[in-house]
């Protein structure tokens, strides 16, 4: 008879998510340590859907996109650049550089842990190190959810959570009181992420 408990199963699942996150970060170049003197701009664009384009044509090679993504940085002024030890090239990003296309769940309720995977294979576990934020799209007035991928402060790189994953996220939502006000949101990594005021949704 097995001595494995539900808590053990959840703990192993959470460890698996965190290991996937570490694996996705392994091999990333030390871009924060590169400070090239040569700086210029190139005709490269990351569209809102996460696709990469160069001189008007889409970059279809997944390995090439992943390579570019690994040397992408954001400056404090909000601009995005590809950086190497010898040069830094400014590019255009329509929204944010990445798109979260899948989500995995371990545990339930306040003990829930959620991991997000981007279209280029980055994996992050939402919590203190990787926050979730929810905005309203100024063009459509619909929710625009994002998850932090890497970088800090004004240099942070984020992924927009696609619609299918967002709906899965809403299904996991619950109400929680924050500073005396009820909010609808979601738990991950012992952190409650506010999505919308409960009163605005008419939920209790």
N, C-alpha and C. Protein backbone atom coordinates (compact mmCIF):
# COMPACT_ATOMS: atom_id res chain seq x y z
N UNK A 1 0.85 -1.20 0.00
CA UNK A 1 0.00 0.00 0.00
C UNK A 1 0.88 1.25 0.00
N UNK A 2 0.58 2.20 -0.88
CA UNK A 2 1.41 3.39 -1.01
C UNK A 2 1.18 4.36 0.13
N UNK A 3 2.29 5.00 0.60
CA UNK A 3 2.20 6.01 1.64
C UNK A 3 2.09 7.41 1.04
N UNK A 4 2.01 7.50 -0.27
CA UNK A 4 1.94 8.79 -0.95
C UNK A 4 0.62 9.49 -0.63
N UNK A 5 0.70 10.75 -0.22
CA UNK A 5 -0.49 11.54 0.10
C UNK A 5 -0.77 12.52 -1.03
N UNK A 6 -1.97 13.14 -0.96
CA UNK A 6 -2.30 14.16 -1.94
C UNK A 6 -1.31 15.31 -1.89
N UNK A 7 -0.85 15.65 -0.67
CA UNK A 7 0.13 16.73 -0.52
C UNK A 7 1.43 16.38 -1.23
N UNK A 8 1.84 15.11 -1.15
CA UNK A 8 3.06 14.68 -1.83
C UNK A 8 2.92 14.82 -3.34
N UNK A 9 1.76 14.45 -3.85
CA UNK A 9 1.52 14.53 -5.28
C UNK A 9 1.59 15.98 -5.75
N UNK A 10 0.95 16.88 -4.99
CA UNK A 10 0.96 18.29 -5.35
C UNK A 10 2.38 18.85 -5.28
N UNK A 11 3.11 18.49 -4.22
CA UNK A 11 4.47 18.99 -4.06
C UNK A 11 5.36 18.55 -5.23
N UNK A 12 5.21 17.32 -5.65
CA UNK A 12 5.99 16.84 -6.79
C UNK A 12 5.60 17.56 -8.07
N UNK A 13 4.31 17.84 -8.22
CA UNK A 13 3.83 18.55 -9.41
C UNK A 13 4.40 19.97 -9.45
N UNK A 14 4.41 20.63 -8.28
CA UNK A 14 4.95 21.98 -8.21
C UNK A 14 6.45 21.97 -8.52
N UNK A 15 7.16 20.99 -7.96
CA UNK A 15 8.59 20.87 -8.24
C UNK A 15 8.83 20.68 -9.73
N UNK A 16 7.96 19.90 -10.36
CA UNK A 16 8.09 19.67 -11.79
C UNK A 16 7.94 20.95 -12.59
N UNK A 17 6.98 21.81 -12.17
CA UNK A 17 6.79 23.09 -12.85
C UNK A 17 8.00 23.99 -12.68
N UNK A 18 8.55 24.02 -11.47
CA UNK A 18 9.72 24.86 -11.21
C UNK A 18 10.95 24.35 -11.96
N UNK A 19 11.08 23.05 -12.07
CA UNK A 19 12.19 22.48 -12.83
C UNK A 19 12.07 22.83 -14.32
N UNK A 20 10.84 22.84 -14.82
CA UNK A 20 10.62 23.23 -16.22
C UNK A 20 11.01 24.68 -16.43
N UNK A 21 10.71 25.53 -15.43
CA UNK A 21 11.10 26.94 -15.52
C UNK A 21 12.62 27.08 -15.57
N UNK A 22 13.32 26.39 -14.68
CA UNK A 22 14.78 26.46 -14.66
C UNK A 22 15.38 25.95 -15.96
N UNK A 23 14.82 24.88 -16.49
CA UNK A 23 15.33 24.31 -17.74
C UNK A 23 15.18 25.29 -18.90
N UNK A 24 14.07 26.03 -18.91
CA UNK A 24 13.83 26.97 -20.01
C UNK A 24 14.78 28.16 -19.94
N UNK A 25 15.32 28.44 -18.74
CA UNK A 25 16.22 29.58 -18.58
C UNK A 25 17.69 29.20 -18.79
N UNK A 26 17.98 27.92 -18.77
CA UNK A 26 19.37 27.49 -18.90
C UNK A 26 19.89 27.84 -20.29
N UNK A 27 21.10 28.32 -20.34
CA UNK A 27 21.71 28.64 -21.63
C UNK A 27 21.44 30.04 -22.13
N UNK A 28 20.64 30.84 -21.41
CA UNK A 28 20.39 32.20 -21.83
C UNK A 28 21.69 33.02 -21.71
N UNK A 29 22.03 33.80 -22.72
CA UNK A 29 23.27 34.59 -22.66
C UNK A 29 23.18 35.69 -21.60
N UNK A 30 24.33 36.13 -21.08
CA UNK A 30 24.34 37.16 -20.01
C UNK A 30 24.17 38.57 -20.58
N UNK A 31 22.99 38.85 -21.14
CA UNK A 31 22.78 40.12 -21.83
C UNK A 31 22.92 41.32 -20.90
N UNK A 32 22.62 41.16 -19.61
CA UNK A 32 22.72 42.28 -18.68
C UNK A 32 24.15 42.74 -18.47
N UNK A 33 25.09 41.90 -18.84
CA UNK A 33 26.50 42.24 -18.66
C UNK A 33 27.12 42.83 -19.93
N UNK A 34 26.33 42.89 -21.00
CA UNK A 34 26.85 43.42 -22.25
C UNK A 34 26.47 44.90 -22.39
N UNK A 35 27.45 45.73 -22.66
CA UNK A 35 27.23 47.17 -22.82
C UNK A 35 27.98 47.66 -24.06
N UNK A 36 27.49 47.29 -25.25
CA UNK A 36 28.18 47.65 -26.49
C UNK A 36 28.12 49.15 -26.78
N UNK A 37 29.16 49.66 -27.43
CA UNK A 37 29.19 51.07 -27.77
C UNK A 37 28.41 51.35 -29.06
N UNK A 38 28.39 50.39 -29.98
CA UNK A 38 27.71 50.62 -31.25
C UNK A 38 26.21 50.38 -31.08
N UNK A 39 25.42 51.43 -31.35
CA UNK A 39 23.97 51.31 -31.21
C UNK A 39 23.29 51.86 -32.47
N UNK A 40 22.29 51.14 -32.94
CA UNK A 40 21.58 51.55 -34.16
C UNK A 40 20.19 50.92 -34.14
N UNK A 41 19.43 51.13 -35.19
CA UNK A 41 18.08 50.56 -35.32
C UNK A 41 18.02 49.67 -36.55
N UNK A 42 17.18 48.64 -36.49
CA UNK A 42 16.97 47.78 -37.65
C UNK A 42 15.48 47.62 -37.89
N UNK A 43 15.14 47.24 -39.11
CA UNK A 43 13.74 47.07 -39.50
C UNK A 43 13.23 45.70 -39.08
N UNK A 44 13.08 45.52 -37.78
CA UNK A 44 12.56 44.27 -37.22
C UNK A 44 11.41 44.61 -36.30
N UNK A 45 10.37 43.78 -36.35
CA UNK A 45 9.16 44.07 -35.58
C UNK A 45 8.60 42.78 -34.98
N UNK A 46 8.17 42.89 -33.72
CA UNK A 46 7.44 41.80 -33.08
C UNK A 46 5.98 42.23 -33.05
N UNK A 47 5.13 41.49 -33.77
CA UNK A 47 3.71 41.83 -33.86
C UNK A 47 3.00 41.47 -32.56
N UNK A 48 1.80 41.96 -32.43
CA UNK A 48 0.99 41.71 -31.22
C UNK A 48 0.75 40.23 -31.00
N UNK A 49 0.70 39.45 -32.10
CA UNK A 49 0.45 38.01 -31.97
C UNK A 49 1.72 37.22 -31.65
N UNK A 50 2.84 37.93 -31.44
CA UNK A 50 4.09 37.28 -31.08
C UNK A 50 4.96 36.88 -32.25
N UNK A 51 4.51 37.10 -33.48
CA UNK A 51 5.32 36.77 -34.66
C UNK A 51 6.40 37.82 -34.88
N UNK A 52 7.54 37.38 -35.41
CA UNK A 52 8.67 38.26 -35.67
C UNK A 52 8.77 38.55 -37.16
N UNK A 53 9.08 39.80 -37.50
CA UNK A 53 9.14 40.22 -38.90
C UNK A 53 10.43 41.01 -39.14
N UNK A 54 11.03 40.79 -40.31
CA UNK A 54 12.23 41.53 -40.69
C UNK A 54 12.07 42.07 -42.10
N UNK A 55 12.21 43.39 -42.24
CA UNK A 55 12.06 44.07 -43.52
C UNK A 55 10.75 43.67 -44.22
N UNK A 56 9.68 43.58 -43.45
CA UNK A 56 8.36 43.32 -44.00
C UNK A 56 7.96 41.87 -44.11
N UNK A 57 8.92 40.95 -43.98
CA UNK A 57 8.60 39.53 -44.09
C UNK A 57 8.67 38.83 -42.75
N UNK A 58 7.79 37.85 -42.55
CA UNK A 58 7.78 37.12 -41.28
C UNK A 58 8.97 36.16 -41.20
N UNK A 59 9.59 36.11 -40.04
CA UNK A 59 10.68 35.17 -39.78
C UNK A 59 10.03 33.84 -39.38
N UNK A 60 10.14 32.85 -40.25
CA UNK A 60 9.42 31.59 -40.03
C UNK A 60 10.25 30.54 -39.31
N UNK A 61 11.55 30.70 -39.26
CA UNK A 61 12.41 29.70 -38.61
C UNK A 61 12.34 29.84 -37.10
N UNK A 62 11.78 28.84 -36.45
CA UNK A 62 11.58 28.89 -35.00
C UNK A 62 12.89 29.04 -34.24
N UNK A 63 13.94 28.36 -34.71
CA UNK A 63 15.24 28.45 -34.03
C UNK A 63 15.81 29.86 -34.09
N UNK A 64 15.60 30.53 -35.22
CA UNK A 64 16.10 31.89 -35.37
C UNK A 64 15.33 32.84 -34.45
N UNK A 65 14.02 32.67 -34.37
CA UNK A 65 13.20 33.49 -33.47
C UNK A 65 13.64 33.29 -32.03
N UNK A 66 13.88 32.04 -31.66
CA UNK A 66 14.31 31.75 -30.29
C UNK A 66 15.67 32.38 -29.99
N UNK A 67 16.55 32.38 -30.99
CA UNK A 67 17.86 33.00 -30.81
C UNK A 67 17.71 34.50 -30.58
N UNK A 68 16.93 35.15 -31.42
CA UNK A 68 16.71 36.59 -31.25
C UNK A 68 16.08 36.89 -29.89
N UNK A 69 15.11 36.07 -29.51
CA UNK A 69 14.42 36.29 -28.23
C UNK A 69 15.38 36.19 -27.05
N UNK A 70 16.40 35.35 -27.18
CA UNK A 70 17.35 35.14 -26.08
C UNK A 70 18.26 36.35 -25.86
N UNK A 71 18.38 37.22 -26.87
CA UNK A 71 19.25 38.40 -26.73
C UNK A 71 18.42 39.69 -26.73
N UNK A 72 17.13 39.55 -26.46
CA UNK A 72 16.25 40.71 -26.40
C UNK A 72 16.29 41.36 -25.02
N UNK A 73 16.41 42.67 -25.01
CA UNK A 73 16.37 43.42 -23.75
C UNK A 73 15.39 44.58 -23.89
N UNK A 74 15.01 45.12 -22.77
CA UNK A 74 14.17 46.32 -22.74
C UNK A 74 14.88 47.38 -21.91
N UNK A 75 14.92 48.59 -22.43
CA UNK A 75 15.54 49.69 -21.71
C UNK A 75 14.52 50.36 -20.80
N UNK A 76 15.00 51.19 -19.89
CA UNK A 76 14.11 51.86 -18.94
C UNK A 76 13.09 52.76 -19.63
N UNK A 77 13.41 53.25 -20.84
CA UNK A 77 12.47 54.11 -21.55
C UNK A 77 11.38 53.33 -22.28
N UNK A 78 11.40 51.99 -22.13
CA UNK A 78 10.38 51.15 -22.75
C UNK A 78 10.74 50.63 -24.12
N UNK A 79 11.88 51.04 -24.67
CA UNK A 79 12.30 50.57 -25.99
C UNK A 79 12.93 49.18 -25.90
N UNK A 80 12.83 48.44 -27.00
CA UNK A 80 13.34 47.07 -27.06
C UNK A 80 14.54 47.01 -28.00
N UNK A 81 15.51 46.14 -27.64
CA UNK A 81 16.75 46.05 -28.40
C UNK A 81 17.24 44.61 -28.43
N UNK A 82 17.91 44.26 -29.52
CA UNK A 82 18.69 43.04 -29.59
C UNK A 82 20.12 43.43 -29.27
N UNK A 83 20.75 42.69 -28.37
CA UNK A 83 22.07 43.09 -27.92
C UNK A 83 23.06 41.93 -28.03
N UNK A 84 24.29 42.27 -28.41
CA UNK A 84 25.41 41.34 -28.42
C UNK A 84 26.57 42.06 -27.73
N UNK A 85 27.69 41.40 -27.51
CA UNK A 85 28.81 42.10 -26.88
C UNK A 85 29.34 43.28 -27.69
N UNK A 86 29.03 43.34 -29.00
CA UNK A 86 29.62 44.40 -29.83
C UNK A 86 28.62 45.41 -30.38
N UNK A 87 27.32 45.09 -30.38
CA UNK A 87 26.35 46.05 -30.89
C UNK A 87 24.98 45.87 -30.26
N UNK A 88 24.18 46.93 -30.37
CA UNK A 88 22.83 46.93 -29.83
C UNK A 88 21.90 47.53 -30.89
N UNK A 89 20.86 46.78 -31.26
CA UNK A 89 19.97 47.20 -32.33
C UNK A 89 18.55 47.37 -31.81
N UNK A 90 18.00 48.55 -31.99
CA UNK A 90 16.64 48.84 -31.56
C UNK A 90 15.64 48.24 -32.54
N UNK A 91 14.58 47.60 -32.00
CA UNK A 91 13.54 47.03 -32.83
C UNK A 91 12.18 47.54 -32.36
N UNK A 92 11.13 47.22 -33.12
CA UNK A 92 9.78 47.65 -32.78
C UNK A 92 8.99 46.49 -32.17
N UNK A 93 8.30 46.75 -31.07
CA UNK A 93 7.44 45.75 -30.44
C UNK A 93 6.06 46.37 -30.31
N UNK A 94 5.07 45.75 -30.94
CA UNK A 94 3.73 46.34 -30.97
C UNK A 94 3.05 46.34 -29.61
N UNK A 95 3.25 45.30 -28.83
CA UNK A 95 2.64 45.22 -27.50
C UNK A 95 3.71 44.79 -26.51
N UNK A 96 3.84 43.51 -26.29
CA UNK A 96 4.93 42.93 -25.51
C UNK A 96 5.57 41.85 -26.39
N UNK A 97 6.80 41.43 -26.09
CA UNK A 97 7.50 40.55 -27.04
C UNK A 97 7.03 39.11 -27.09
N UNK A 98 6.37 38.62 -26.06
CA UNK A 98 6.05 37.20 -26.01
C UNK A 98 4.55 36.96 -25.84
N UNK A 99 4.13 35.73 -26.14
CA UNK A 99 2.74 35.33 -25.95
C UNK A 99 2.72 34.01 -25.17
N UNK A 100 1.95 33.98 -24.08
CA UNK A 100 1.79 32.74 -23.30
C UNK A 100 0.69 31.91 -23.96
N UNK A 101 1.04 30.70 -24.36
CA UNK A 101 0.11 29.87 -25.14
C UNK A 101 -0.37 28.64 -24.38
N UNK A 102 0.17 28.40 -23.19
CA UNK A 102 -0.26 27.22 -22.42
C UNK A 102 -0.09 27.50 -20.94
N UNK A 103 -0.88 26.78 -20.13
CA UNK A 103 -0.81 26.93 -18.68
C UNK A 103 -0.96 25.57 -18.02
N UNK A 104 -0.17 25.33 -17.00
CA UNK A 104 -0.27 24.11 -16.21
C UNK A 104 -0.60 24.47 -14.77
N UNK A 105 -1.38 23.63 -14.12
CA UNK A 105 -1.83 23.88 -12.76
C UNK A 105 -1.40 22.75 -11.84
N UNK A 106 -0.97 23.12 -10.63
CA UNK A 106 -0.70 22.15 -9.58
C UNK A 106 -1.34 22.67 -8.30
N UNK A 107 -2.05 21.81 -7.60
CA UNK A 107 -2.72 22.23 -6.37
C UNK A 107 -4.01 22.97 -6.64
N UNK A 108 -4.65 23.41 -5.54
CA UNK A 108 -5.93 24.09 -5.64
C UNK A 108 -6.00 25.23 -4.64
N UNK A 109 -6.98 26.11 -4.86
CA UNK A 109 -7.24 27.19 -3.91
C UNK A 109 -6.03 28.05 -3.65
N UNK A 110 -5.83 28.41 -2.39
CA UNK A 110 -4.71 29.28 -2.03
C UNK A 110 -3.36 28.60 -2.22
N UNK A 111 -3.34 27.28 -2.33
CA UNK A 111 -2.11 26.53 -2.52
C UNK A 111 -1.83 26.24 -4.00
N UNK A 112 -2.60 26.85 -4.84
CA UNK A 112 -2.48 26.62 -6.28
C UNK A 112 -1.19 27.22 -6.85
N UNK A 113 -0.59 26.53 -7.81
CA UNK A 113 0.58 27.02 -8.52
C UNK A 113 0.31 26.91 -10.01
N UNK A 114 0.60 27.99 -10.73
CA UNK A 114 0.35 28.04 -12.17
C UNK A 114 1.64 28.32 -12.92
N UNK A 115 1.88 27.56 -13.97
CA UNK A 115 3.05 27.77 -14.81
C UNK A 115 2.58 28.10 -16.22
N UNK A 116 3.22 29.09 -16.83
CA UNK A 116 2.86 29.53 -18.17
C UNK A 116 4.01 29.24 -19.14
N UNK A 117 3.66 28.80 -20.34
CA UNK A 117 4.64 28.51 -21.38
C UNK A 117 4.39 29.44 -22.56
N UNK A 118 5.46 30.06 -23.06
CA UNK A 118 5.32 30.96 -24.20
C UNK A 118 5.50 30.20 -25.50
N UNK A 119 5.21 30.88 -26.59
CA UNK A 119 5.31 30.25 -27.91
C UNK A 119 6.74 29.91 -28.30
N UNK A 120 7.72 30.48 -27.58
CA UNK A 120 9.11 30.14 -27.89
C UNK A 120 9.72 29.21 -26.84
N UNK A 121 8.89 28.72 -25.93
CA UNK A 121 9.35 27.71 -24.98
C UNK A 121 9.75 28.19 -23.61
N UNK A 122 9.64 29.48 -23.33
CA UNK A 122 9.91 29.96 -21.97
C UNK A 122 8.83 29.43 -21.03
N UNK A 123 9.25 29.03 -19.83
CA UNK A 123 8.31 28.57 -18.81
C UNK A 123 8.54 29.39 -17.54
N UNK A 124 7.48 29.95 -16.98
CA UNK A 124 7.59 30.69 -15.72
C UNK A 124 6.47 30.28 -14.79
N UNK A 125 6.78 30.21 -13.51
CA UNK A 125 5.80 29.89 -12.47
C UNK A 125 5.34 31.21 -11.84
N UNK A 126 4.07 31.51 -11.95
CA UNK A 126 3.54 32.76 -11.41
C UNK A 126 3.65 32.77 -9.89
N UNK A 127 4.11 33.90 -9.36
CA UNK A 127 4.28 34.05 -7.93
C UNK A 127 5.04 35.34 -7.66
N UNK A 128 5.84 35.35 -6.61
CA UNK A 128 6.60 36.55 -6.25
C UNK A 128 7.57 36.96 -7.34
N UNK A 129 8.19 35.98 -8.00
CA UNK A 129 9.21 36.30 -9.02
C UNK A 129 8.61 36.60 -10.38
N UNK A 130 7.43 36.09 -10.64
CA UNK A 130 6.80 36.28 -11.94
C UNK A 130 5.33 36.65 -11.74
N UNK A 131 5.08 37.94 -11.75
CA UNK A 131 3.74 38.43 -11.46
C UNK A 131 2.80 38.38 -12.66
N UNK A 132 1.52 38.43 -12.35
CA UNK A 132 0.47 38.56 -13.36
C UNK A 132 -0.12 39.95 -13.23
N UNK A 133 -0.43 40.57 -14.36
CA UNK A 133 -1.14 41.84 -14.32
C UNK A 133 -2.26 41.81 -15.36
N UNK A 134 -3.30 42.56 -15.06
CA UNK A 134 -4.49 42.56 -15.90
C UNK A 134 -4.87 43.99 -16.23
N UNK A 135 -4.86 44.31 -17.51
CA UNK A 135 -5.21 45.64 -17.99
C UNK A 135 -6.41 45.54 -18.92
N UNK A 136 -6.94 46.67 -19.34
CA UNK A 136 -7.98 46.71 -20.36
C UNK A 136 -7.35 47.17 -21.67
N UNK A 137 -7.59 46.41 -22.73
CA UNK A 137 -7.08 46.77 -24.04
C UNK A 137 -7.75 48.07 -24.48
N UNK A 138 -6.97 49.14 -24.74
CA UNK A 138 -7.59 50.43 -25.10
C UNK A 138 -8.34 50.39 -26.43
N UNK A 139 -7.99 49.41 -27.28
CA UNK A 139 -8.63 49.32 -28.59
C UNK A 139 -9.94 48.53 -28.53
N UNK A 140 -9.96 47.47 -27.74
CA UNK A 140 -11.15 46.59 -27.71
C UNK A 140 -11.93 46.68 -26.40
N UNK A 141 -11.32 47.30 -25.38
CA UNK A 141 -11.93 47.41 -24.05
C UNK A 141 -12.12 46.03 -23.42
N UNK A 142 -11.35 45.05 -23.90
CA UNK A 142 -11.39 43.71 -23.33
C UNK A 142 -10.18 43.51 -22.42
N UNK A 143 -10.25 42.54 -21.49
CA UNK A 143 -9.12 42.29 -20.60
C UNK A 143 -7.86 41.92 -21.38
N UNK A 144 -6.74 42.50 -20.95
CA UNK A 144 -5.45 42.19 -21.55
C UNK A 144 -4.53 41.68 -20.44
N UNK A 145 -4.41 40.37 -20.29
CA UNK A 145 -3.61 39.79 -19.20
C UNK A 145 -2.16 39.55 -19.61
N UNK A 146 -1.24 39.75 -18.66
CA UNK A 146 0.18 39.59 -18.94
C UNK A 146 0.86 38.83 -17.80
N UNK A 147 1.95 38.14 -18.14
CA UNK A 147 2.77 37.47 -17.13
C UNK A 147 4.23 37.89 -17.34
N UNK A 148 4.90 38.15 -16.25
CA UNK A 148 6.31 38.55 -16.28
C UNK A 148 7.19 37.36 -16.67
N UNK A 149 8.12 37.59 -17.59
CA UNK A 149 9.01 36.52 -18.05
C UNK A 149 10.41 36.67 -17.45
N UNK A 150 11.04 37.81 -17.70
CA UNK A 150 12.36 38.04 -17.11
C UNK A 150 12.67 39.53 -17.10
N UNK A 151 13.73 39.90 -16.35
CA UNK A 151 14.07 41.30 -16.21
C UNK A 151 13.32 41.92 -15.05
N UNK A 152 13.80 43.08 -14.62
CA UNK A 152 13.19 43.73 -13.46
C UNK A 152 12.79 45.16 -13.78
N UNK A 153 11.81 45.67 -13.05
CA UNK A 153 11.41 47.06 -13.16
C UNK A 153 11.04 47.46 -14.58
N UNK A 154 11.56 48.61 -15.01
CA UNK A 154 11.29 49.10 -16.34
C UNK A 154 11.93 48.29 -17.45
N UNK A 155 12.79 47.35 -17.07
CA UNK A 155 13.46 46.50 -18.06
C UNK A 155 12.80 45.12 -18.17
N UNK A 156 11.67 44.96 -17.53
CA UNK A 156 11.00 43.66 -17.51
C UNK A 156 10.44 43.30 -18.89
N UNK A 157 10.55 42.03 -19.24
CA UNK A 157 9.95 41.49 -20.46
C UNK A 157 8.74 40.67 -20.06
N UNK A 158 7.63 40.86 -20.77
CA UNK A 158 6.39 40.18 -20.43
C UNK A 158 5.85 39.38 -21.61
N UNK A 159 4.92 38.50 -21.29
CA UNK A 159 4.17 37.76 -22.31
C UNK A 159 2.69 38.09 -22.13
N UNK A 160 2.02 38.35 -23.24
CA UNK A 160 0.57 38.50 -23.18
C UNK A 160 -0.06 37.12 -23.17
N UNK A 161 -0.98 36.90 -22.26
CA UNK A 161 -1.65 35.60 -22.13
C UNK A 161 -2.74 35.51 -23.20
N UNK A 162 -2.68 34.50 -24.06
CA UNK A 162 -3.65 34.44 -25.15
C UNK A 162 -5.06 34.14 -24.62
N UNK A 163 -6.03 34.31 -25.48
CA UNK A 163 -7.42 34.26 -25.04
C UNK A 163 -7.80 32.92 -24.43
N UNK A 164 -7.37 31.82 -25.08
CA UNK A 164 -7.74 30.49 -24.58
C UNK A 164 -7.20 30.26 -23.17
N UNK A 165 -5.94 30.65 -22.96
CA UNK A 165 -5.34 30.47 -21.63
C UNK A 165 -6.00 31.41 -20.62
N UNK A 166 -6.36 32.60 -21.07
CA UNK A 166 -7.03 33.54 -20.17
C UNK A 166 -8.36 32.98 -19.68
N UNK A 167 -9.12 32.35 -20.58
CA UNK A 167 -10.39 31.75 -20.17
C UNK A 167 -10.16 30.63 -19.14
N UNK A 168 -9.09 29.85 -19.33
CA UNK A 168 -8.75 28.81 -18.35
C UNK A 168 -8.41 29.46 -17.00
N UNK A 169 -7.74 30.60 -17.07
CA UNK A 169 -7.34 31.32 -15.86
C UNK A 169 -8.58 31.82 -15.12
N UNK A 170 -9.54 32.34 -15.86
CA UNK A 170 -10.78 32.84 -15.25
C UNK A 170 -11.53 31.71 -14.55
N UNK A 171 -11.50 30.52 -15.15
CA UNK A 171 -12.17 29.37 -14.54
C UNK A 171 -11.59 29.03 -13.17
N UNK A 172 -10.34 29.39 -12.95
CA UNK A 172 -9.67 29.10 -11.69
C UNK A 172 -9.80 30.25 -10.70
N UNK A 173 -10.46 31.32 -11.12
CA UNK A 173 -10.56 32.51 -10.29
C UNK A 173 -11.45 32.34 -9.08
N UNK A 174 -11.22 33.20 -8.10
CA UNK A 174 -11.99 33.19 -6.86
C UNK A 174 -12.02 34.60 -6.30
N UNK A 175 -12.85 34.85 -5.30
CA UNK A 175 -12.88 36.16 -4.66
C UNK A 175 -12.03 36.14 -3.40
N UNK A 176 -11.41 37.28 -3.13
CA UNK A 176 -10.54 37.40 -1.96
C UNK A 176 -10.54 38.85 -1.53
N UNK A 177 -10.55 39.08 -0.23
CA UNK A 177 -10.56 40.44 0.30
C UNK A 177 -9.14 41.00 0.36
N UNK A 178 -8.95 42.15 -0.26
CA UNK A 178 -7.65 42.83 -0.25
C UNK A 178 -7.86 44.23 0.32
N UNK A 179 -7.30 44.47 1.49
CA UNK A 179 -7.43 45.76 2.18
C UNK A 179 -8.90 46.16 2.32
N UNK A 180 -9.72 45.18 2.69
CA UNK A 180 -11.12 45.45 2.96
C UNK A 180 -12.03 45.49 1.75
N UNK A 181 -11.48 45.23 0.57
CA UNK A 181 -12.27 45.25 -0.66
C UNK A 181 -12.21 43.88 -1.34
N UNK A 182 -13.36 43.39 -1.78
CA UNK A 182 -13.41 42.08 -2.44
C UNK A 182 -12.98 42.18 -3.90
N UNK A 183 -12.07 41.30 -4.26
CA UNK A 183 -11.56 41.25 -5.64
C UNK A 183 -11.75 39.85 -6.20
N UNK A 184 -11.98 39.78 -7.50
CA UNK A 184 -11.93 38.51 -8.22
C UNK A 184 -10.54 38.38 -8.78
N UNK A 185 -9.93 37.22 -8.57
CA UNK A 185 -8.56 37.03 -9.03
C UNK A 185 -8.17 35.58 -8.96
N UNK A 186 -6.87 35.35 -8.98
CA UNK A 186 -6.37 33.98 -9.03
C UNK A 186 -5.14 33.86 -8.14
N UNK A 187 -5.01 32.69 -7.51
CA UNK A 187 -3.86 32.40 -6.65
C UNK A 187 -2.78 31.65 -7.44
N UNK A 188 -1.54 31.95 -7.13
CA UNK A 188 -0.42 31.15 -7.63
C UNK A 188 0.81 31.46 -6.80
N UNK A 189 1.50 30.42 -6.36
CA UNK A 189 2.72 30.62 -5.59
C UNK A 189 2.49 31.42 -4.32
N UNK A 190 1.35 31.20 -3.66
CA UNK A 190 0.99 31.90 -2.41
C UNK A 190 0.77 33.39 -2.61
N UNK A 191 0.52 33.81 -3.83
CA UNK A 191 0.24 35.21 -4.13
C UNK A 191 -1.13 35.30 -4.79
N UNK A 192 -1.94 36.27 -4.35
CA UNK A 192 -3.24 36.50 -4.97
C UNK A 192 -3.09 37.63 -5.99
N UNK A 193 -3.44 37.36 -7.24
CA UNK A 193 -3.33 38.35 -8.30
C UNK A 193 -4.73 38.88 -8.63
N UNK A 194 -4.91 40.17 -8.43
CA UNK A 194 -6.22 40.80 -8.64
C UNK A 194 -6.51 40.93 -10.13
N UNK A 195 -7.72 40.53 -10.52
CA UNK A 195 -8.15 40.65 -11.91
C UNK A 195 -9.16 41.78 -12.07
N UNK A 196 -10.19 41.80 -11.20
CA UNK A 196 -11.21 42.84 -11.29
C UNK A 196 -11.97 42.89 -9.97
N UNK A 197 -12.48 44.06 -9.64
CA UNK A 197 -13.27 44.20 -8.42
C UNK A 197 -14.50 43.31 -8.49
N UNK A 198 -14.75 42.59 -7.42
CA UNK A 198 -15.88 41.66 -7.41
C UNK A 198 -17.20 42.36 -7.65
N UNK A 199 -17.34 43.58 -7.13
CA UNK A 199 -18.59 44.33 -7.28
C UNK A 199 -18.86 44.65 -8.75
N UNK A 200 -17.80 44.85 -9.54
CA UNK A 200 -17.97 45.16 -10.95
C UNK A 200 -18.45 43.94 -11.73
N UNK A 201 -18.17 42.75 -11.20
CA UNK A 201 -18.57 41.53 -11.87
C UNK A 201 -19.86 40.98 -11.31
N UNK A 202 -20.30 41.51 -10.17
CA UNK A 202 -21.51 41.02 -9.55
C UNK A 202 -21.35 39.65 -8.93
N UNK A 203 -20.10 39.36 -8.45
CA UNK A 203 -19.85 38.06 -7.82
C UNK A 203 -19.57 38.30 -6.34
N UNK A 204 -19.74 37.21 -5.58
CA UNK A 204 -19.51 37.28 -4.13
C UNK A 204 -18.44 36.30 -3.73
